[in-house]
Amino acid sequence: MPKTLQDKIAIVTGGGQGLGQAICHRLAAEGCHVVVADLNEAGAQSTAADIAATTDRQALAFKVDVTNEAQVASLVEQTVEKFGRLDILVANAGILISGPLTDFEVDKWRLVLDVNLVGYMIAAKHAARVMQAQGSGAIVQINSKSGKKGSFKNSAYAASKFGGIGLTQSLALELAEHGVRVNSVCPGNLLDSPLWVNSLYKQYAKNQGITEEEVRQKYVNQVPMKRGCTYDDVCNVVVFLASEQAGYMTGQAINVTGGQEMR
């Protein structure tokens, strides 16, 4: 039986670890040939090697800084040289630095915007050039529930994600006539992900003056379904938005939050 994304060509930024890695594996399972782009070159190579070893799909790995336009342009160019087209871009690369506004270093605040928002724009720009010419394509940005409402002592991240939804809607208007759809996915808290386990619990415990265990329980309690978001929860929506099943959807920001965010 043909798979949902049979023989589609996909680029995933930030694909070498965490959610991005899970997205790469899921796209391959759905039939995609996958190009894994990440600043973490070893992670990208490992992800691509795993896909090649466990599926019949091709996978390539590239070290890419999404804020470096020349590197992103080269990534897209080499993808098209190899496969002849580009069907899907998942703009997943991102960072999170939290802290109170009065103590926030401007350079760190600006870095979050640069990676999460400008990096998305650069990747979308070069993917759109290819997709526009071929008359088809799907761009899926990994956003956040923090793109829908403010986030406590997390102003840089929320600002970057609010901007990301504005960019998604604007690109959707611009590219619709060329057969290119642009949507965002807004996950809830991925409480068991490396980002949370290795970084956010510590950051939030310090910022909020509570223990890491109390941080976790606090965020679970905020979810009507009383659990954190999982990689599968997000991947299910990414696959749908990348597929023709979502062929009449563009400019949307889809919540995957267990009911925590409903707008």
C-alpha atoms as a PDB file:
ATOM      1  CA  MET A   1       0.000   0.000   0.000  1.00  0.00           C
ATOM      2  CA  PRO A   2       1.325   3.483  -0.829  1.00  0.00           C
ATOM      3  CA  LYS A   3       2.261   5.454   2.259  1.00  0.00           C
ATOM      4  CA  THR A   4       0.900   8.900   3.096  1.00  0.00           C
ATOM      5  CA  LEU A   5       4.012  10.723   1.870  1.00  0.00           C
ATOM      6  CA  GLN A   6       5.340   8.128  -0.563  1.00  0.00           C
ATOM      7  CA  ASP A   7       8.544   9.305  -2.284  1.00  0.00           C
ATOM      8  CA  LYS A   8       8.199  12.906  -1.120  1.00  0.00           C
ATOM      9  CA  ILE A   9      11.405  14.835  -0.456  1.00  0.00           C
ATOM     10  CA  ALA A  10      11.597  16.514   2.948  1.00  0.00           C
ATOM     11  CA  ILE A  11      14.068  18.801   4.708  1.00  0.00           C
ATOM     12  CA  VAL A  12      13.878  18.983   8.501  1.00  0.00           C
ATOM     13  CA  THR A  13      15.878  21.704  10.247  1.00  0.00           C
ATOM     14  CA  GLY A  14      16.962  20.894  13.763  1.00  0.00           C
ATOM     15  CA  GLY A  15      16.544  17.254  12.771  1.00  0.00           C
ATOM     16  CA  GLY A  16      19.511  15.839  14.637  1.00  0.00           C
ATOM     17  CA  GLN A  17      17.959  15.536  18.080  1.00  0.00           C
ATOM     18  CA  GLY A  18      14.776  15.654  20.123  1.00  0.00           C
ATOM     19  CA  LEU A  19      11.522  16.448  18.355  1.00  0.00           C
ATOM     20  CA  GLY A  20      13.278  17.119  15.048  1.00  0.00           C
ATOM     21  CA  GLN A  21      14.827  13.672  15.100  1.00  0.00           C
ATOM     22  CA  ALA A  22      11.429  12.117  15.813  1.00  0.00           C
ATOM     23  CA  ILE A  23       9.937  14.049  12.894  1.00  0.00           C
ATOM     24  CA  CYS A  24      12.682  12.769  10.573  1.00  0.00           C
ATOM     25  CA  HIS A  25      11.999   9.172  11.561  1.00  0.00           C
ATOM     26  CA  ARG A  26       8.253   9.600  11.186  1.00  0.00           C
ATOM     27  CA  LEU A  27       8.517  11.214   7.761  1.00  0.00           C
ATOM     28  CA  ALA A  28      10.717   8.336   6.606  1.00  0.00           C
ATOM     29  CA  ALA A  29       8.189   5.842   7.968  1.00  0.00           C
ATOM     30  CA  GLU A  30       5.503   7.657   5.953  1.00  0.00           C
ATOM     31  CA  GLY A  31       7.543   7.261   2.748  1.00  0.00           C
ATOM     32  CA  CYS A  32       9.735  10.377   2.572  1.00  0.00           C
ATOM     33  CA  HIS A  33      13.357  10.624   1.609  1.00  0.00           C
ATOM     34  CA  VAL A  34      14.704  12.862   4.359  1.00  0.00           C
ATOM     35  CA  VAL A  35      17.384  15.545   4.512  1.00  0.00           C
ATOM     36  CA  VAL A  36      18.465  16.077   8.119  1.00  0.00           C
ATOM     37  CA  ALA A  37      19.856  19.554   8.819  1.00  0.00           C
ATOM     38  CA  ASP A  38      21.257  20.497  12.212  1.00  0.00           C
ATOM     39  CA  LEU A  39      23.972  22.610  13.783  1.00  0.00           C
ATOM     40  CA  ASN A  40      24.826  19.397  15.653  1.00  0.00           C
ATOM     41  CA  GLU A  41      26.536  17.587  12.784  1.00  0.00           C
ATOM     42  CA  ALA A  42      27.021  14.327  14.701  1.00  0.00           C
ATOM     43  CA  GLY A  43      23.334  14.251  15.590  1.00  0.00           C
ATOM     44  CA  ALA A  44      22.313  14.869  11.990  1.00  0.00           C
ATOM     45  CA  GLN A  45      24.597  12.111  10.747  1.00  0.00           C
ATOM     46  CA  SER A  46      23.349   9.682  13.383  1.00  0.00           C
ATOM     47  CA  THR A  47      19.710  10.394  12.526  1.00  0.00           C
ATOM     48  CA  ALA A  48      20.324   9.943   8.805  1.00  0.00           C
ATOM     49  CA  ALA A  49      22.276   6.732   9.398  1.00  0.00           C
ATOM     50  CA  ASP A  50      19.473   5.300  11.539  1.00  0.00           C
ATOM     51  CA  ILE A  51      16.898   6.056   8.843  1.00  0.00           C
ATOM     52  CA  ALA A  52      19.049   4.469   6.139  1.00  0.00           C
ATOM     53  CA  ALA A  53      19.645   1.385   8.292  1.00  0.00           C
ATOM     54  CA  THR A  54      16.038   0.812   9.354  1.00  0.00           C
ATOM     55  CA  THR A  55      14.032   1.838   6.272  1.00  0.00           C
ATOM     56  CA  ASP A  56      14.315   1.706   2.497  1.00  0.00           C
ATOM     57  CA  ARG A  57      14.381   5.518   2.374  1.00  0.00           C
ATOM     58  CA  GLN A  58      17.355   7.685   1.504  1.00  0.00           C
ATOM     59  CA  ALA A  59      18.612  10.095   4.147  1.00  0.00           C
ATOM     60  CA  LEU A  60      21.243  12.821   3.933  1.00  0.00           C
ATOM     61  CA  ALA A  61      22.834  14.826   6.739  1.00  0.00           C
ATOM     62  CA  PHE A  62      24.074  18.418   6.658  1.00  0.00           C
ATOM     63  CA  LYS A  63      25.585  20.691   9.275  1.00  0.00           C
ATOM     64  CA  VAL A  64      23.539  23.878   8.969  1.00  0.00           C
ATOM     65  CA  ASP A  65      23.153  27.044  10.999  1.00  0.00           C
ATOM     66  CA  VAL A  66      19.684  28.303  10.043  1.00  0.00           C
ATOM     67  CA  THR A  67      20.728  31.893  10.701  1.00  0.00           C
ATOM     68  CA  ASN A  68      23.401  31.600   7.976  1.00  0.00           C
ATOM     69  CA  GLU A  69      21.673  32.204   4.664  1.00  0.00           C
ATOM     70  CA  ALA A  70      24.526  30.840   2.566  1.00  0.00           C
ATOM     71  CA  GLN A  71      24.427  27.537   4.447  1.00  0.00           C
ATOM     72  CA  VAL A  72      20.642  27.256   4.095  1.00  0.00           C
ATOM     73  CA  ALA A  73      20.796  28.104   0.388  1.00  0.00           C
ATOM     74  CA  SER A  74      23.434  25.424  -0.104  1.00  0.00           C
ATOM     75  CA  LEU A  75      21.316  22.905   1.815  1.00  0.00           C
ATOM     76  CA  VAL A  76      18.331  23.462  -0.469  1.00  0.00           C
ATOM     77  CA  GLU A  77      20.475  23.516  -3.599  1.00  0.00           C
ATOM     78  CA  GLN A  78      22.170  20.218  -2.730  1.00  0.00           C
ATOM     79  CA  THR A  79      18.814  18.636  -1.888  1.00  0.00           C
ATOM     80  CA  VAL A  80      17.420  19.554  -5.294  1.00  0.00           C
ATOM     81  CA  GLU A  81      20.606  18.407  -7.030  1.00  0.00           C
ATOM     82  CA  LYS A  82      20.249  15.012  -5.346  1.00  0.00           C
ATOM     83  CA  PHE A  83      16.503  14.434  -5.590  1.00  0.00           C
ATOM     84  CA  GLY A  84      15.313  16.812  -8.306  1.00  0.00           C
ATOM     85  CA  ARG A  85      12.673  18.509  -6.156  1.00  0.00           C
ATOM     86  CA  LEU A  86      11.636  19.574  -2.657  1.00  0.00           C
ATOM     87  CA  ASP A  87       8.153  18.748  -1.392  1.00  0.00           C
ATOM     88  CA  ILE A  88       8.259  19.420   2.352  1.00  0.00           C
ATOM     89  CA  LEU A  89      10.132  21.762   4.658  1.00  0.00           C
ATOM     90  CA  VAL A  90       9.723  21.267   8.389  1.00  0.00           C
ATOM     91  CA  ALA A  91      11.188  24.380  10.036  1.00  0.00           C
ATOM     92  CA  ASN A  92      11.899  22.917  13.457  1.00  0.00           C
ATOM     93  CA  ALA A  93      15.249  24.429  14.484  1.00  0.00           C
ATOM     94  CA  GLY A  94      14.890  26.591  17.562  1.00  0.00           C
ATOM     95  CA  ILE A  95      16.283  27.567  20.949  1.00  0.00           C
ATOM     96  CA  LEU A  96      14.824  28.693  24.248  1.00  0.00           C
ATOM     97  CA  ILE A  97      16.490  31.043  26.717  1.00  0.00           C
ATOM     98  CA  SER A  98      14.308  32.201  29.591  1.00  0.00           C
ATOM     99  CA  GLY A  99      14.668  34.850  32.265  1.00  0.00           C
ATOM    100  CA  PRO A 100      13.084  37.960  33.751  1.00  0.00           C
ATOM    101  CA  LEU A 101      13.029  40.969  31.446  1.00  0.00           C
ATOM    102  CA  THR A 102      14.973  43.206  33.827  1.00  0.00           C
ATOM    103  CA  ASP A 103      17.924  40.808  33.829  1.00  0.00           C
ATOM    104  CA  PHE A 104      17.693  39.584  30.227  1.00  0.00           C
ATOM    105  CA  GLU A 105      20.865  40.209  28.225  1.00  0.00           C
ATOM    106  CA  VAL A 106      19.910  41.849  24.948  1.00  0.00           C
ATOM    107  CA  ASP A 107      22.311  39.697  22.941  1.00  0.00           C
ATOM    108  CA  LYS A 108      20.685  36.523  24.285  1.00  0.00           C
ATOM    109  CA  TRP A 109      17.190  37.918  23.669  1.00  0.00           C
ATOM    110  CA  ARG A 110      18.166  38.790  20.112  1.00  0.00           C
ATOM    111  CA  LEU A 111      19.705  35.325  19.559  1.00  0.00           C
ATOM    112  CA  VAL A 112      16.364  33.638  20.300  1.00  0.00           C
ATOM    113  CA  LEU A 113      14.652  35.856  17.713  1.00  0.00           C
ATOM    114  CA  ASP A 114      17.445  35.236  15.227  1.00  0.00           C
ATOM    115  CA  VAL A 115      17.239  31.439  15.411  1.00  0.00           C
ATOM    116  CA  ASN A 116      13.504  30.972  15.883  1.00  0.00           C
ATOM    117  CA  LEU A 117      12.119  33.684  13.617  1.00  0.00           C
ATOM    118  CA  VAL A 118      14.821  34.820  11.195  1.00  0.00           C
ATOM    119  CA  GLY A 119      16.012  31.227  10.810  1.00  0.00           C
ATOM    120  CA  TYR A 120      12.473  30.169   9.891  1.00  0.00           C
ATOM    121  CA  MET A 121      12.248  33.000   7.348  1.00  0.00           C
ATOM    122  CA  ILE A 122      15.558  32.050   5.714  1.00  0.00           C
ATOM    123  CA  ALA A 123      14.637  28.370   5.429  1.00  0.00           C
ATOM    124  CA  ALA A 124      11.177  29.199   4.102  1.00  0.00           C
ATOM    125  CA  LYS A 125      12.612  31.685   1.604  1.00  0.00           C
ATOM    126  CA  HIS A 126      14.887  29.157  -0.073  1.00  0.00           C
ATOM    127  CA  ALA A 127      12.407  26.290   0.092  1.00  0.00           C
ATOM    128  CA  ALA A 128       9.695  28.517  -1.372  1.00  0.00           C
ATOM    129  CA  ARG A 129      11.835  29.401  -4.383  1.00  0.00           C
ATOM    130  CA  VAL A 130      11.979  25.725  -5.333  1.00  0.00           C
ATOM    131  CA  MET A 131       8.366  24.937  -4.432  1.00  0.00           C
ATOM    132  CA  GLN A 132       7.050  27.995  -6.258  1.00  0.00           C
ATOM    133  CA  ALA A 133       8.847  26.962  -9.438  1.00  0.00           C
ATOM    134  CA  GLN A 134       7.498  23.410  -9.272  1.00  0.00           C
ATOM    135  CA  GLY A 135       3.981  24.575  -8.359  1.00  0.00           C
ATOM    136  CA  SER A 136       3.622  22.541  -5.174  1.00  0.00           C
ATOM    137  CA  GLY A 137       4.987  22.106  -1.675  1.00  0.00           C
ATOM    138  CA  ALA A 138       4.234  22.249   2.021  1.00  0.00           C
ATOM    139  CA  ILE A 139       6.056  24.276   4.658  1.00  0.00           C
ATOM    140  CA  VAL A 140       5.374  23.303   8.266  1.00  0.00           C
ATOM    141  CA  GLN A 141       6.780  25.418  11.071  1.00  0.00           C
ATOM    142  CA  ILE A 142       7.121  23.953  14.547  1.00  0.00           C
ATOM    143  CA  ASN A 143       5.797  26.745  16.711  1.00  0.00           C
ATOM    144  CA  SER A 144       4.526  26.479  20.311  1.00  0.00           C
ATOM    145  CA  LYS A 145       1.580  27.234  22.551  1.00  0.00           C
ATOM    146  CA  SER A 146       3.797  30.214  23.466  1.00  0.00           C
ATOM    147  CA  GLY A 147       2.974  31.562  20.013  1.00  0.00           C
ATOM    148  CA  LYS A 148      -0.634  31.966  21.142  1.00  0.00           C
ATOM    149  CA  LYS A 149      -0.267  33.543  24.585  1.00  0.00           C
ATOM    150  CA  GLY A 150       2.445  35.103  26.723  1.00  0.00           C
ATOM    151  CA  SER A 151       4.882  32.923  28.638  1.00  0.00           C
ATOM    152  CA  PHE A 152       6.048  33.811  32.160  1.00  0.00           C
ATOM    153  CA  LYS A 153       9.655  35.084  32.221  1.00  0.00           C
ATOM    154  CA  ASN A 154       9.996  33.730  28.696  1.00  0.00           C
ATOM    155  CA  SER A 155       9.556  36.882  26.627  1.00  0.00           C
ATOM    156  CA  ALA A 156      12.117  36.197  23.916  1.00  0.00           C
ATOM    157  CA  TYR A 157      10.738  32.771  23.086  1.00  0.00           C
ATOM    158  CA  ALA A 158       7.110  33.940  23.088  1.00  0.00           C
ATOM    159  CA  ALA A 159       7.964  36.953  20.937  1.00  0.00           C
ATOM    160  CA  SER A 160       9.753  34.724  18.430  1.00  0.00           C
ATOM    161  CA  LYS A 161       6.812  32.312  18.287  1.00  0.00           C
ATOM    162  CA  PHE A 162       4.152  35.034  17.982  1.00  0.00           C
ATOM    163  CA  GLY A 163       6.241  36.374  15.101  1.00  0.00           C
ATOM    164  CA  GLY A 164       6.429  32.899  13.598  1.00  0.00           C
ATOM    165  CA  ILE A 165       2.655  32.653  13.339  1.00  0.00           C
ATOM    166  CA  GLY A 166       2.536  36.069  11.676  1.00  0.00           C
ATOM    167  CA  LEU A 167       5.169  34.888   9.226  1.00  0.00           C
ATOM    168  CA  THR A 168       3.261  31.669   8.548  1.00  0.00           C
ATOM    169  CA  GLN A 169       0.069  33.569   7.771  1.00  0.00           C
ATOM    170  CA  SER A 170       1.875  36.086   5.570  1.00  0.00           C
ATOM    171  CA  LEU A 171       3.715  33.412   3.585  1.00  0.00           C
ATOM    172  CA  ALA A 172       0.494  31.431   3.201  1.00  0.00           C
ATOM    173  CA  LEU A 173      -1.100  34.458   1.508  1.00  0.00           C
ATOM    174  CA  GLU A 174       1.947  35.045  -0.662  1.00  0.00           C
ATOM    175  CA  LEU A 175       2.439  31.466  -1.815  1.00  0.00           C
ATOM    176  CA  ALA A 176      -1.128  30.163  -2.154  1.00  0.00           C
ATOM    177  CA  GLU A 177      -1.368  31.061  -5.842  1.00  0.00           C
ATOM    178  CA  HIS A 178       1.771  28.991  -6.473  1.00  0.00           C
ATOM    179  CA  GLY A 179       0.377  25.805  -4.917  1.00  0.00           C
ATOM    180  CA  VAL A 180       2.500  26.093  -1.770  1.00  0.00           C
ATOM    181  CA  ARG A 181       0.839  25.700   1.633  1.00  0.00           C
ATOM    182  CA  VAL A 182       2.312  27.095   4.875  1.00  0.00           C
ATOM    183  CA  ASN A 183       1.118  26.068   8.343  1.00  0.00           C
ATOM    184  CA  SER A 184       2.368  25.995  11.926  1.00  0.00           C
ATOM    185  CA  VAL A 185       2.066  23.359  14.633  1.00  0.00           C
ATOM    186  CA  CYS A 186       1.799  24.624  18.208  1.00  0.00           C
ATOM    187  CA  PRO A 187       2.770  21.835  20.638  1.00  0.00           C
ATOM    188  CA  GLY A 188       2.221  21.891  24.346  1.00  0.00           C
ATOM    189  CA  ASN A 189       5.001  21.099  26.775  1.00  0.00           C
ATOM    190  CA  LEU A 190       7.137  18.135  25.727  1.00  0.00           C
ATOM    191  CA  LEU A 191       7.858  17.292  29.360  1.00  0.00           C
ATOM    192  CA  ASP A 192       9.961  14.186  28.680  1.00  0.00           C
ATOM    193  CA  SER A 193      12.059  15.674  25.879  1.00  0.00           C
ATOM    194  CA  PRO A 194      15.799  16.393  26.208  1.00  0.00           C
ATOM    195  CA  LEU A 195      15.074  20.138  26.097  1.00  0.00           C
ATOM    196  CA  TRP A 196      12.996  19.898  29.257  1.00  0.00           C
ATOM    197  CA  VAL A 197      15.001  17.211  31.052  1.00  0.00           C
ATOM    198  CA  ASN A 198      18.414  18.724  30.334  1.00  0.00           C
ATOM    199  CA  SER A 199      17.595  22.423  30.428  1.00  0.00           C
ATOM    200  CA  LEU A 200      14.116  23.796  31.052  1.00  0.00           C
ATOM    201  CA  TYR A 201      13.416  22.159  34.403  1.00  0.00           C
ATOM    202  CA  LYS A 202      16.590  23.756  35.725  1.00  0.00           C
ATOM    203  CA  GLN A 203      15.875  27.148  34.140  1.00  0.00           C
ATOM    204  CA  TYR A 204      12.274  27.258  35.348  1.00  0.00           C
ATOM    205  CA  ALA A 205      13.097  25.978  38.842  1.00  0.00           C
ATOM    206  CA  LYS A 206      15.619  28.793  39.202  1.00  0.00           C
ATOM    207  CA  ASN A 207      13.314  31.448  37.696  1.00  0.00           C
ATOM    208  CA  GLN A 208      10.276  30.400  39.728  1.00  0.00           C
ATOM    209  CA  GLY A 209      11.949  29.478  43.018  1.00  0.00           C
ATOM    210  CA  ILE A 210      10.592  25.902  43.126  1.00  0.00           C
ATOM    211  CA  THR A 211      12.065  22.411  42.681  1.00  0.00           C
ATOM    212  CA  GLU A 212      12.368  20.677  39.324  1.00  0.00           C
ATOM    213  CA  GLU A 213       9.766  18.114  40.435  1.00  0.00           C
ATOM    214  CA  GLU A 214       7.385  20.939  41.297  1.00  0.00           C
ATOM    215  CA  VAL A 215       8.009  22.498  37.890  1.00  0.00           C
ATOM    216  CA  ARG A 216       6.960  19.287  36.146  1.00  0.00           C
ATOM    217  CA  GLN A 217       3.815  18.872  38.232  1.00  0.00           C
ATOM    218  CA  LYS A 218       2.909  22.518  37.698  1.00  0.00           C
ATOM    219  CA  TYR A 219       2.935  22.095  33.941  1.00  0.00           C
ATOM    220  CA  VAL A 220       1.059  18.777  34.035  1.00  0.00           C
ATOM    221  CA  ASN A 221      -1.639  20.400  36.176  1.00  0.00           C
ATOM    222  CA  GLN A 222      -2.184  23.102  33.553  1.00  0.00           C
ATOM    223  CA  VAL A 223      -3.275  20.536  30.936  1.00  0.00           C
ATOM    224  CA  PRO A 224      -6.936  19.428  30.931  1.00  0.00           C
ATOM    225  CA  MET A 225      -5.855  15.985  29.676  1.00  0.00           C
ATOM    226  CA  LYS A 226      -3.306  15.810  32.527  1.00  0.00           C
ATOM    227  CA  ARG A 227      -0.242  14.753  30.579  1.00  0.00           C
ATOM    228  CA  GLY A 228       2.569  16.319  28.629  1.00  0.00           C
ATOM    229  CA  CYS A 229       2.726  16.466  24.850  1.00  0.00           C
ATOM    230  CA  THR A 230       4.592  13.624  23.123  1.00  0.00           C
ATOM    231  CA  TYR A 231       6.603  13.434  19.933  1.00  0.00           C
ATOM    232  CA  ASP A 232       3.925  11.225  18.377  1.00  0.00           C
ATOM    233  CA  ASP A 233       1.267  13.829  19.155  1.00  0.00           C
ATOM    234  CA  VAL A 234       3.224  16.400  17.164  1.00  0.00           C
ATOM    235  CA  CYS A 235       4.333  14.082  14.356  1.00  0.00           C
ATOM    236  CA  ASN A 236       0.735  13.042  13.672  1.00  0.00           C
ATOM    237  CA  VAL A 237      -0.161  16.649  12.872  1.00  0.00           C
ATOM    238  CA  VAL A 238       3.041  17.350  10.924  1.00  0.00           C
ATOM    239  CA  VAL A 239       2.350  14.377   8.632  1.00  0.00           C
ATOM    240  CA  PHE A 240      -1.243  15.505   8.116  1.00  0.00           C
ATOM    241  CA  LEU A 241      -0.260  19.082   7.256  1.00  0.00           C
ATOM    242  CA  ALA A 242       2.460  17.885   4.881  1.00  0.00           C
ATOM    243  CA  SER A 243       0.049  15.573   3.067  1.00  0.00           C
ATOM    244  CA  GLU A 244      -2.648  16.132   0.484  1.00  0.00           C
ATOM    245  CA  GLN A 245      -5.204  15.361   3.198  1.00  0.00           C
ATOM    246  CA  ALA A 246      -4.594  18.956   4.293  1.00  0.00           C
ATOM    247  CA  GLY A 247      -4.716  20.249   0.734  1.00  0.00           C
ATOM    248  CA  TYR A 248      -7.266  22.959   1.594  1.00  0.00           C
ATOM    249  CA  MET A 249      -5.439  24.196   4.685  1.00  0.00           C
ATOM    250  CA  THR A 250      -2.967  27.041   4.709  1.00  0.00           C
ATOM    251  CA  GLY A 251      -2.083  29.827   7.124  1.00  0.00           C
ATOM    252  CA  GLN A 252      -3.173  27.782  10.139  1.00  0.00           C
ATOM    253  CA  ALA A 253      -1.550  27.410  13.568  1.00  0.00           C
ATOM    254  CA  ILE A 254      -2.766  24.077  14.929  1.00  0.00           C
ATOM    255  CA  ASN A 255      -2.737  23.526  18.692  1.00  0.00           C
ATOM    256  CA  VAL A 256      -1.491  20.175  20.004  1.00  0.00           C
ATOM    257  CA  THR A 257      -1.835  20.962  23.691  1.00  0.00           C
ATOM    258  CA  GLY A 258      -4.236  18.521  25.324  1.00  0.00           C
ATOM    259  CA  GLY A 259      -6.774  21.344  25.636  1.00  0.00           C
ATOM    260  CA  GLN A 260      -4.409  23.774  27.345  1.00  0.00           C
ATOM    261  CA  GLU A 261      -4.714  26.264  24.482  1.00  0.00           C
ATOM    262  CA  MET A 262      -7.933  26.450  22.477  1.00  0.00           C
ATOM    263  CA  ARG A 263      -7.520  29.582  20.320  1.00  0.00           C
END
